[in-house]
Amino acid sequence: MADATPKLLSGGNPQIPKGEGDGPVQAYIAAMPEWKRDLGAYLDDLIVRTVPNVHKAVKWNQPFYGIEGEGWFIAFRCFTKYVQLQFFRGTSLDPEPPKAAKHPEVRYLDVHEDDEIDEARLVSWIDQASRLPGERL
């Protein structure tokens, strides 16, 4: 019988087949290594509580969250020492998430194992991002 455990790509990012809905996202979270799994479950729960009608998918080996028919507003992925949240319209958030990207509108938030999460700010960013035009990928 073949091993059903997803392969971890460089940086420990789970390799999960592309798919729509909660199932592929939960498979990704279950495959996140070590402390990142709890963080992934926390982020997923926080996004769902903030945007109850959120649409989920796994694309390019990372969970995406959006509004169906409106595009994607946030995604996250594992790196060796942190989990990176990607806000596709991050320059429109107030305040902007701290890390710039090559794409002029994208902003990142890197969460390391011992970081204290400012949940109120994160909820505010998620809420703001969900109300902006989404990224069509």
Protein backbone atom coordinates (compact mmCIF):
# COMPACT_ATOMS: atom_id res chain seq x y z
CA MET A 1 0.00 0.00 0.00
CA ALA A 2 1.37 3.43 -0.93
CA ASP A 3 2.17 5.94 1.78
CA ALA A 4 -0.64 8.52 1.78
CA THR A 5 1.39 11.08 3.73
CA PRO A 6 1.93 14.19 1.59
CA LYS A 7 5.48 14.99 0.56
CA LEU A 8 6.97 18.07 2.18
CA LEU A 9 8.53 20.41 -0.34
CA SER A 10 11.48 22.67 0.42
CA GLY A 11 10.89 24.66 3.58
CA GLY A 12 8.41 22.04 4.82
CA ASN A 13 5.51 23.15 2.64
CA PRO A 14 3.08 20.22 2.09
CA GLN A 15 2.55 19.08 -1.49
CA ILE A 16 -1.24 18.81 -1.75
CA PRO A 17 -3.12 18.23 -5.02
CA LYS A 18 -5.00 21.23 -6.35
CA GLY A 19 -8.64 21.19 -5.29
CA GLU A 20 -11.67 23.28 -4.37
CA GLY A 21 -13.41 23.32 -1.01
CA ASP A 22 -12.60 22.62 2.62
CA GLY A 23 -11.27 19.06 2.09
CA PRO A 24 -8.01 19.97 0.31
CA VAL A 25 -7.41 22.83 2.76
CA GLN A 26 -7.85 20.50 5.74
CA ALA A 27 -5.47 17.98 4.08
CA TYR A 28 -2.89 20.75 3.72
CA ILE A 29 -3.28 21.80 7.37
CA ALA A 30 -3.04 18.18 8.58
CA ALA A 31 0.23 17.81 6.64
CA MET A 32 1.82 21.01 8.01
CA PRO A 33 4.89 20.06 10.06
CA GLU A 34 5.24 20.53 13.83
CA TRP A 35 3.96 23.79 15.38
CA LYS A 36 2.85 25.03 11.98
CA ARG A 37 -0.11 22.59 11.99
CA ASP A 38 -1.69 24.28 15.02
CA LEU A 39 -1.06 27.69 13.47
CA GLY A 40 -2.67 26.56 10.19
CA ALA A 41 -5.76 25.30 12.04
CA TYR A 42 -5.91 28.58 13.97
CA LEU A 43 -5.64 30.67 10.79
CA ASP A 44 -8.28 28.59 9.01
CA ASP A 45 -10.67 28.94 11.96
CA LEU A 46 -10.01 32.68 12.25
CA ILE A 47 -10.66 33.23 8.53
CA VAL A 48 -13.90 31.20 8.65
CA ARG A 49 -15.11 33.03 11.78
CA THR A 50 -14.30 36.41 10.20
CA VAL A 51 -15.71 35.60 6.74
CA PRO A 52 -18.34 32.87 7.24
CA ASN A 53 -19.12 32.58 3.50
CA VAL A 54 -15.44 32.14 2.55
CA HIS A 55 -14.58 29.91 -0.40
CA LYS A 56 -11.50 27.67 0.02
CA ALA A 57 -9.14 25.93 -2.35
CA VAL A 58 -5.60 24.59 -2.58
CA LYS A 59 -3.60 25.98 -5.48
CA TRP A 60 0.17 25.88 -5.95
CA ASN A 61 0.52 23.87 -2.73
CA GLN A 62 -1.08 26.44 -0.45
CA PRO A 63 -4.56 27.19 0.89
CA PHE A 64 -6.39 30.10 -0.73
CA TYR A 65 -9.42 31.90 0.71
CA GLY A 66 -11.79 34.09 -1.25
CA ILE A 67 -15.32 35.05 -2.06
CA GLU A 68 -16.84 32.81 -4.73
CA GLY A 69 -17.05 34.71 -8.00
CA GLU A 70 -15.05 37.62 -6.54
CA GLY A 71 -11.53 36.17 -6.33
CA TRP A 72 -9.00 35.33 -3.62
CA PHE A 73 -8.00 37.68 -0.80
CA ILE A 74 -5.55 35.66 1.35
CA ALA A 75 -3.37 32.55 1.22
CA PHE A 76 -0.68 31.04 3.44
CA ARG A 77 2.22 28.64 3.09
CA CYS A 78 4.97 27.02 5.12
CA PHE A 79 8.59 28.07 5.03
CA THR A 80 11.42 26.57 7.08
CA LYS A 81 11.16 28.95 10.05
CA TYR A 82 7.75 30.59 9.58
CA VAL A 83 4.30 30.51 8.01
CA GLN A 84 3.67 33.33 5.56
CA LEU A 85 0.27 34.94 5.11
CA GLN A 86 -0.21 36.62 1.75
CA PHE A 87 -2.68 39.47 1.45
CA PHE A 88 -3.26 39.97 -2.29
CA ARG A 89 -4.46 43.58 -1.89
CA GLY A 90 -2.25 44.25 1.13
CA THR A 91 -1.39 47.83 0.17
CA SER A 92 -5.10 48.66 0.58
CA LEU A 93 -5.20 47.43 4.19
CA ASP A 94 -4.95 49.82 7.13
CA PRO A 95 -2.33 49.50 8.44
CA GLU A 96 -0.48 47.63 5.71
CA PRO A 97 0.98 44.23 6.65
CA PRO A 98 4.71 44.67 7.25
CA LYS A 99 6.47 42.82 4.44
CA ALA A 100 6.49 43.96 0.80
CA ALA A 101 6.41 41.56 -2.13
CA LYS A 102 7.59 41.63 -5.74
CA HIS A 103 3.97 42.28 -6.75
CA PRO A 104 3.24 45.92 -5.90
CA GLU A 105 -0.11 45.27 -4.13
CA VAL A 106 0.80 42.11 -2.17
CA ARG A 107 1.90 42.31 1.46
CA TYR A 108 3.05 39.48 3.71
CA LEU A 109 2.93 38.67 7.39
CA ASP A 110 5.50 36.10 8.50
CA VAL A 111 4.57 34.22 11.69
CA HIS A 112 7.40 32.45 13.54
CA GLU A 113 6.97 29.78 16.19
CA ASP A 114 7.26 32.06 19.23
CA ASP A 115 5.52 35.13 17.77
CA GLU A 116 2.63 36.58 19.68
CA ILE A 117 -0.26 37.04 17.25
CA ASP A 118 -2.24 40.28 17.40
CA GLU A 119 -5.59 38.60 16.75
CA ALA A 120 -7.55 41.87 16.60
CA ARG A 121 -5.24 43.24 13.89
CA LEU A 122 -5.31 39.94 11.98
CA VAL A 123 -9.13 39.85 12.10
CA SER A 124 -9.19 43.46 10.88
CA TRP A 125 -6.88 42.64 7.96
CA ILE A 126 -8.90 39.53 7.03
CA ASP A 127 -12.16 41.49 7.18
CA GLN A 128 -10.76 44.40 5.15
CA ALA A 129 -9.18 42.06 2.59
CA SER A 130 -12.43 40.12 2.13
CA ARG A 131 -14.23 43.33 1.14
CA LEU A 132 -11.72 44.28 -1.57
CA PRO A 133 -11.73 43.01 -5.16
CA GLY A 134 -10.11 39.60 -5.06
CA GLU A 135 -7.23 38.21 -7.10
CA ARG A 136 -8.41 36.09 -10.00
CA LEU A 137 -5.97 33.19 -10.32
